Protein backbone atom coordinates (compact mmCIF):
# COMPACT_ATOMS: atom_id res chain seq x y z
CA LEU A 1 -13.38 -17.30 -9.77
CA ALA A 2 -12.14 -17.54 -6.39
CA LEU A 3 -16.12 -17.48 -5.29
CA ALA A 4 -16.99 -19.93 -7.60
CA GLU A 5 -14.36 -22.72 -6.82
CA PHE A 6 -15.40 -21.88 -3.33
CA LEU A 7 -18.89 -22.54 -4.02
CA ARG A 8 -18.43 -25.40 -5.84
CA GLN A 9 -15.90 -26.83 -3.32
CA SER A 10 -18.92 -25.95 -0.59
CA ARG A 11 -21.49 -28.12 -2.25
CA GLN A 12 -19.34 -31.21 -3.16
CA ALA A 13 -18.28 -30.95 0.80
CA GLN A 14 -22.40 -30.17 1.76
CA LEU A 15 -20.95 -27.48 4.00
CA PRO A 16 -22.95 -24.10 4.77
CA VAL A 17 -22.04 -21.41 2.11
CA THR A 18 -19.96 -18.65 3.70
CA PRO A 19 -18.11 -16.79 1.29
CA PRO A 20 -14.87 -15.85 1.92
CA PRO A 21 -14.32 -11.69 2.93
CA PRO A 22 -13.51 -9.37 0.29
CA PRO A 23 -10.26 -8.21 -0.67
CA CYS A 24 -8.77 -5.69 1.19
CA THR A 25 -8.75 -2.67 -0.95
CA VAL A 26 -8.89 1.05 -1.35
CA ALA A 27 -11.63 2.03 -3.69
CA PRO A 28 -10.47 3.68 -7.16
CA GLU A 29 -12.14 6.74 -6.44
CA GLN A 30 -11.13 7.07 -3.09
CA PHE A 31 -7.40 6.72 -3.69
CA ARG A 32 -7.84 9.33 -6.59
CA MET A 33 -9.21 11.91 -4.25
CA LEU A 34 -6.43 11.21 -1.69
CA ARG A 35 -3.41 11.37 -4.72
CA GLU A 36 -5.28 14.86 -6.12
CA SER A 37 -5.24 16.07 -2.80
CA LEU A 38 -1.89 15.20 -2.05
CA ALA A 39 -0.74 16.64 -5.37
CA ARG A 40 -2.17 19.86 -4.75
CA GLU A 41 -0.26 20.62 -1.45
CA GLY A 42 2.47 22.65 -1.70
CA SER A 43 5.04 21.78 0.43
CA SER A 44 6.50 18.34 1.21
CA SER A 45 6.31 18.35 4.63
CA SER A 46 2.59 19.36 4.86
CA ARG A 47 1.96 16.82 1.78
CA LEU A 48 3.73 13.99 4.59
CA LYS A 49 1.77 15.22 7.25
CA ILE A 50 -1.40 14.79 5.02
CA ALA A 51 -0.29 11.27 4.12
CA LYS A 52 0.47 9.70 7.27
CA ASP A 53 -3.19 11.42 8.70
CA GLN A 54 -5.11 9.84 5.50
CA ILE A 55 -3.28 6.48 5.22
CA PRO A 56 -4.53 4.69 8.41
CA PRO A 57 -7.88 4.81 7.98
CA MET A 58 -8.08 3.62 4.55
CA ARG A 59 -5.68 0.76 5.49
CA CYS A 60 -5.59 -1.59 2.38
CA PHE A 61 -3.15 -0.05 -0.20
CA THR A 62 -1.52 -2.18 -3.18
CA SER A 63 1.88 -1.33 -3.69
CA GLN A 64 1.25 0.02 -6.81
CA GLN A 65 -1.15 2.81 -5.16
CA MET A 66 1.49 3.40 -2.83
CA LYS A 67 4.19 3.71 -5.70
CA GLU A 68 2.02 6.36 -7.14
CA LEU A 69 1.71 8.32 -3.76
CA LEU A 70 5.46 7.97 -3.15
CA ASN A 71 6.18 9.59 -6.50
CA LEU A 72 4.37 12.79 -5.78
CA PHE A 73 7.45 13.45 -3.34
CA SER A 74 10.40 15.06 -4.70
CA SER A 75 12.50 14.53 -1.41
CA SER A 76 14.07 11.26 -1.00
CA SER A 77 13.98 11.19 2.59
CA ASP A 78 10.19 12.01 2.51
CA ARG A 79 9.55 9.22 0.27
CA LEU A 80 11.60 6.89 2.48
CA ASP A 81 10.07 8.10 5.69
CA LEU A 82 6.58 7.48 3.92
CA ALA A 83 7.57 4.03 2.53
CA LYS A 84 8.62 2.97 6.05
CA PHE A 85 5.34 4.46 7.67
CA ALA A 86 2.56 3.20 4.97
CA TYR A 87 4.40 -0.59 4.83
CA ALA A 88 1.90 -1.90 7.49
CA TYR A 89 -1.37 -0.25 5.21
CA VAL A 90 -0.11 -2.47 1.97
CA SER A 91 -2.06 -5.37 1.77
CA ASP A 92 0.52 -7.34 -0.79
CA GLN A 93 3.58 -6.50 1.18
CA ASP A 94 5.35 -9.48 -0.45
CA VAL A 95 5.80 -7.32 -3.54
CA PHE A 96 6.19 -3.57 -1.67
CA TYR A 97 9.77 -3.71 -2.03
CA LEU A 98 9.91 -4.75 -5.63
CA THR A 99 7.31 -2.49 -6.37
CA VAL A 100 8.72 1.04 -5.04
CA ASN A 101 12.73 0.28 -5.23
CA SER A 102 12.94 2.01 -8.42
CA LEU A 103 12.05 5.27 -6.89
CA PHE A 104 15.07 5.42 -4.80
CA ASN A 105 18.15 6.46 -6.43
CA SER A 106 20.52 6.08 -3.77
CA SER A 107 21.34 2.28 -2.85
CA MET A 108 21.78 3.39 0.93
CA ASP A 109 17.79 4.61 0.93
CA ARG A 110 17.20 1.16 -1.28
CA GLU A 111 18.89 -0.79 1.88
CA GLU A 112 17.35 1.29 4.72
CA LEU A 113 13.98 0.02 3.12
CA SER A 114 15.04 -3.50 2.57
CA LYS A 115 16.27 -3.82 6.20
CA TYR A 116 13.22 -2.20 7.60
CA ILE A 117 10.94 -4.66 5.92
CA ALA A 118 12.78 -7.39 6.87
CA SER A 119 12.57 -6.08 10.37
CA LYS A 120 8.76 -6.14 10.45
CA PRO A 121 6.86 -9.62 11.19
CA LYS A 122 5.46 -11.38 8.41
């Protein structure tokens, strides 16, 4: 729809047609492979290390995808560590906290994540 609207407006304004860039996303198959790889890891520390190694090159996770990855961690501290680390690689940062906060049982963890997000430039 956005592309169709862009093309319609370009024709009306007689501007050269340059489509907008594609949305920043991690392909579903790529995400599935990462999630399965993390789920196979026996220790939480190994899982966290792999996640921190693999997330940056993929860059563009949705908050929902990140929620699925965070849910693989039973340790609240590992979950919080990864949430803070991964925030920079989430494409819909405006809904990140609302999407993942239910994974944190401790109000202190939710508050720490909220403060962390608030400290980051928009």
